[in-house]
Amino acid sequence: MVSCAASMSGINITRMADGKLAKHWEETDALGMMQQLGVIPAPAQTG
């Protein structure tokens, strides 16, 4: 069994109008999560 842990950051923005949900936006850092899991290589570090 393989065990791994990763974190994902993101933001949710909700716009309300007249007491009701008017719009909802969500952005997450899926690329960062996939790099943590080793699915996509992280960029080479310089310096």
PDB file of N, CA and C in Angstrom:
ATOM      1  N   MET A   1       0.840  -1.172   0.000  1.00  0.00           N
ATOM      2  CA  MET A   1       0.000   0.000   0.000  1.00  0.00           C
ATOM      3  C   MET A   1       0.890   1.242   0.000  1.00  0.00           C
ATOM      4  N   VAL A   2       0.563   2.197  -0.857  1.00  0.00           N
ATOM      5  CA  VAL A   2       1.323   3.433  -0.970  1.00  0.00           C
ATOM      6  C   VAL A   2       0.632   4.515  -0.159  1.00  0.00           C
ATOM      7  N   SER A   3       1.415   5.244   0.606  1.00  0.00           N
ATOM      8  CA  SER A   3       0.876   6.339   1.403  1.00  0.00           C
ATOM      9  C   SER A   3       1.539   7.632   0.970  1.00  0.00           C
ATOM     10  N   CYS A   4       0.751   8.667   0.785  1.00  0.00           N
ATOM     11  CA  CYS A   4       1.318   9.962   0.425  1.00  0.00           C
ATOM     12  C   CYS A   4       0.427  11.065   0.976  1.00  0.00           C
ATOM     13  N   ALA A   5       1.015  12.229   1.112  1.00  0.00           N
ATOM     14  CA  ALA A   5       0.270  13.384   1.594  1.00  0.00           C
ATOM     15  C   ALA A   5       0.659  14.587   0.758  1.00  0.00           C
ATOM     16  N   ALA A   6      -0.294  15.416   0.475  1.00  0.00           N
ATOM     17  CA  ALA A   6      -0.048  16.643  -0.283  1.00  0.00           C
ATOM     18  C   ALA A   6      -1.035  17.689   0.200  1.00  0.00           C
ATOM     19  N   SER A   7      -0.672  18.927   0.003  1.00  0.00           N
ATOM     20  CA  SER A   7      -1.593  20.004   0.359  1.00  0.00           C
ATOM     21  C   SER A   7      -1.941  20.792  -0.898  1.00  0.00           C
ATOM     22  N   MET A   8      -3.116  21.379  -0.881  1.00  0.00           N
ATOM     23  CA  MET A   8      -3.562  22.179  -2.015  1.00  0.00           C
ATOM     24  C   MET A   8      -4.103  23.492  -1.467  1.00  0.00           C
ATOM     25  N   SER A   9      -3.637  24.582  -2.031  1.00  0.00           N
ATOM     26  CA  SER A   9      -4.141  25.880  -1.607  1.00  0.00           C
ATOM     27  C   SER A   9      -5.092  26.423  -2.672  1.00  0.00           C
ATOM     28  N   GLY A  10      -5.949  27.317  -2.251  1.00  0.00           N
ATOM     29  CA  GLY A  10      -6.887  27.897  -3.185  1.00  0.00           C
ATOM     30  C   GLY A  10      -7.685  29.008  -2.532  1.00  0.00           C
ATOM     31  N   ILE A  11      -8.616  29.541  -3.298  1.00  0.00           N
ATOM     32  CA  ILE A  11      -9.460  30.624  -2.817  1.00  0.00           C
ATOM     33  C   ILE A  11     -10.871  30.441  -3.394  1.00  0.00           C
ATOM     34  N   ASN A  12     -11.862  30.785  -2.580  1.00  0.00           N
ATOM     35  CA  ASN A  12     -13.258  30.796  -3.011  1.00  0.00           C
ATOM     36  C   ASN A  12     -13.777  32.214  -2.859  1.00  0.00           C
ATOM     37  N   ILE A  13     -14.425  32.726  -3.888  1.00  0.00           N
ATOM     38  CA  ILE A  13     -15.023  34.059  -3.853  1.00  0.00           C
ATOM     39  C   ILE A  13     -16.493  33.914  -4.199  1.00  0.00           C
ATOM     40  N   THR A  14     -17.333  34.465  -3.348  1.00  0.00           N
ATOM     41  CA  THR A  14     -18.781  34.390  -3.557  1.00  0.00           C
ATOM     42  C   THR A  14     -19.346  35.797  -3.606  1.00  0.00           C
ATOM     43  N   ARG A  15     -20.156  36.078  -4.623  1.00  0.00           N
ATOM     44  CA  ARG A  15     -20.828  37.373  -4.715  1.00  0.00           C
ATOM     45  C   ARG A  15     -22.306  37.179  -4.414  1.00  0.00           C
ATOM     46  N   MET A  16     -22.797  37.969  -3.482  1.00  0.00           N
ATOM     47  CA  MET A  16     -24.203  37.908  -3.090  1.00  0.00           C
ATOM     48  C   MET A  16     -24.926  39.127  -3.652  1.00  0.00           C
ATOM     49  N   ALA A  17     -26.158  38.939  -4.072  1.00  0.00           N
ATOM     50  CA  ALA A  17     -27.004  40.038  -4.545  1.00  0.00           C
ATOM     51  C   ALA A  17     -28.422  39.786  -4.048  1.00  0.00           C
ATOM     52  N   ASP A  18     -28.994  40.784  -3.400  1.00  0.00           N
ATOM     53  CA  ASP A  18     -30.360  40.678  -2.860  1.00  0.00           C
ATOM     54  C   ASP A  18     -30.504  39.476  -1.926  1.00  0.00           C
ATOM     55  N   GLY A  19     -29.457  39.189  -1.138  1.00  0.00           N
ATOM     56  CA  GLY A  19     -29.509  38.095  -0.175  1.00  0.00           C
ATOM     57  C   GLY A  19     -29.394  36.707  -0.787  1.00  0.00           C
ATOM     58  N   LYS A  20     -29.039  36.639  -2.078  1.00  0.00           N
ATOM     59  CA  LYS A  20     -28.914  35.348  -2.757  1.00  0.00           C
ATOM     60  C   LYS A  20     -27.530  35.223  -3.386  1.00  0.00           C
ATOM     61  N   LEU A  21     -27.124  33.984  -3.575  1.00  0.00           N
ATOM     62  CA  LEU A  21     -25.860  33.714  -4.247  1.00  0.00           C
ATOM     63  C   LEU A  21     -25.998  34.126  -5.709  1.00  0.00           C
ATOM     64  N   ALA A  22     -25.147  35.060  -6.158  1.00  0.00           N
ATOM     65  CA  ALA A  22     -25.209  35.526  -7.536  1.00  0.00           C
ATOM     66  C   ALA A  22     -24.107  34.881  -8.386  1.00  0.00           C
ATOM     67  N   LYS A  23     -22.897  34.801  -7.837  1.00  0.00           N
ATOM     68  CA  LYS A  23     -21.782  34.195  -8.567  1.00  0.00           C
ATOM     69  C   LYS A  23     -20.829  33.558  -7.579  1.00  0.00           C
ATOM     70  N   HIS A  24     -20.100  32.555  -8.059  1.00  0.00           N
ATOM     71  CA  HIS A  24     -19.113  31.876  -7.223  1.00  0.00           C
ATOM     72  C   HIS A  24     -17.909  31.532  -8.101  1.00  0.00           C
ATOM     73  N   TRP A  25     -16.722  31.901  -7.618  1.00  0.00           N
ATOM     74  CA  TRP A  25     -15.479  31.577  -8.308  1.00  0.00           C
ATOM     75  C   TRP A  25     -14.614  30.750  -7.372  1.00  0.00           C
ATOM     76  N   GLU A  26     -13.894  29.789  -7.935  1.00  0.00           N
ATOM     77  CA  GLU A  26     -12.975  28.965  -7.144  1.00  0.00           C
ATOM     78  C   GLU A  26     -11.708  28.748  -7.955  1.00  0.00           C
ATOM     79  N   GLU A  27     -10.571  28.974  -7.334  1.00  0.00           N
ATOM     80  CA  GLU A  27      -9.277  28.724  -7.954  1.00  0.00           C
ATOM     81  C   GLU A  27      -8.449  27.876  -7.006  1.00  0.00           C
ATOM     82  N   THR A  28      -7.818  26.839  -7.526  1.00  0.00           N
ATOM     83  CA  THR A  28      -6.945  25.988  -6.719  1.00  0.00           C
ATOM     84  C   THR A  28      -5.620  25.783  -7.440  1.00  0.00           C
ATOM     85  N   ASP A  29      -4.601  25.447  -6.672  1.00  0.00           N
ATOM     86  CA  ASP A  29      -3.264  25.221  -7.206  1.00  0.00           C
ATOM     87  C   ASP A  29      -3.070  23.723  -7.456  1.00  0.00           C
ATOM     88  N   ALA A  30      -3.701  23.220  -8.501  1.00  0.00           N
ATOM     89  CA  ALA A  30      -3.585  21.796  -8.823  1.00  0.00           C
ATOM     90  C   ALA A  30      -2.166  21.455  -9.291  1.00  0.00           C
ATOM     91  N   LEU A  31      -1.500  22.381  -9.974  1.00  0.00           N
ATOM     92  CA  LEU A  31      -0.133  22.126 -10.431  1.00  0.00           C
ATOM     93  C   LEU A  31       0.791  21.891  -9.243  1.00  0.00           C
ATOM     94  N   GLY A  32       0.687  22.732  -8.216  1.00  0.00           N
ATOM     95  CA  GLY A  32       1.517  22.563  -7.024  1.00  0.00           C
ATOM     96  C   GLY A  32       1.278  21.224  -6.345  1.00  0.00           C
ATOM     97  N   MET A  33       0.009  20.816  -6.286  1.00  0.00           N
ATOM     98  CA  MET A  33      -0.314  19.527  -5.672  1.00  0.00           C
ATOM     99  C   MET A  33       0.296  18.375  -6.482  1.00  0.00           C
ATOM    100  N   MET A  34       0.175  18.442  -7.815  1.00  0.00           N
ATOM    101  CA  MET A  34       0.724  17.368  -8.655  1.00  0.00           C
ATOM    102  C   MET A  34       2.245  17.316  -8.562  1.00  0.00           C
ATOM    103  N   GLN A  35       2.897  18.477  -8.366  1.00  0.00           N
ATOM    104  CA  GLN A  35       4.350  18.481  -8.180  1.00  0.00           C
ATOM    105  C   GLN A  35       4.711  17.828  -6.848  1.00  0.00           C
ATOM    106  N   GLN A  36       3.929  18.079  -5.798  1.00  0.00           N
ATOM    107  CA  GLN A  36       4.178  17.453  -4.503  1.00  0.00           C
ATOM    108  C   GLN A  36       4.047  15.936  -4.588  1.00  0.00           C
ATOM    109  N   LEU A  37       3.104  15.463  -5.392  1.00  0.00           N
ATOM    110  CA  LEU A  37       2.873  14.028  -5.534  1.00  0.00           C
ATOM    111  C   LEU A  37       3.856  13.361  -6.493  1.00  0.00           C
ATOM    112  N   GLY A  38       4.646  14.170  -7.218  1.00  0.00           N
ATOM    113  CA  GLY A  38       5.628  13.624  -8.146  1.00  0.00           C
ATOM    114  C   GLY A  38       5.057  13.280  -9.505  1.00  0.00           C
ATOM    115  N   VAL A  39       3.834  13.682  -9.777  1.00  0.00           N
ATOM    116  CA  VAL A  39       3.214  13.420 -11.077  1.00  0.00           C
ATOM    117  C   VAL A  39       3.840  14.311 -12.140  1.00  0.00           C
ATOM    118  N   ILE A  40       4.153  15.544 -11.764  1.00  0.00           N
ATOM    119  CA  ILE A  40       4.792  16.518 -12.647  1.00  0.00           C
ATOM    120  C   ILE A  40       6.080  16.961 -11.957  1.00  0.00           C
ATOM    121  N   PRO A  41       7.199  16.974 -12.668  1.00  0.00           N
ATOM    122  CA  PRO A  41       8.443  17.394 -12.019  1.00  0.00           C
ATOM    123  C   PRO A  41       8.401  18.865 -11.625  1.00  0.00           C
ATOM    124  N   ALA A  42       8.967  19.165 -10.466  1.00  0.00           N
ATOM    125  CA  ALA A  42       9.077  20.558 -10.015  1.00  0.00           C
ATOM    126  C   ALA A  42      10.134  21.260 -10.856  1.00  0.00           C
ATOM    127  N   PRO A  43      10.009  22.564 -11.033  1.00  0.00           N
ATOM    128  CA  PRO A  43      11.030  23.274 -11.821  1.00  0.00           C
ATOM    129  C   PRO A  43      12.394  23.230 -11.135  1.00  0.00           C
ATOM    130  N   ALA A  44      13.428  23.257 -11.935  1.00  0.00           N
ATOM    131  CA  ALA A  44      14.793  23.227 -11.400  1.00  0.00           C
ATOM    132  C   ALA A  44      15.058  24.506 -10.625  1.00  0.00           C
ATOM    133  N   GLN A  45      15.698  24.371  -9.480  1.00  0.00           N
ATOM    134  CA  GLN A  45      16.036  25.533  -8.664  1.00  0.00           C
ATOM    135  C   GLN A  45      17.416  26.034  -9.041  1.00  0.00           C
ATOM    136  N   THR A  46      17.569  27.354  -9.098  1.00  0.00           N
ATOM    137  CA  THR A  46      18.868  27.940  -9.427  1.00  0.00           C
ATOM    138  C   THR A  46      19.428  28.651  -8.208  1.00  0.00           C
ATOM    139  N   GLY A  47      20.724  28.806  -8.195  1.00  0.00           N
ATOM    140  CA  GLY A  47      21.358  29.580  -7.147  1.00  0.00           C
ATOM    141  C   GLY A  47      21.911  28.765  -6.106  1.00  0.00           C
TER     142      GLY A  47
END
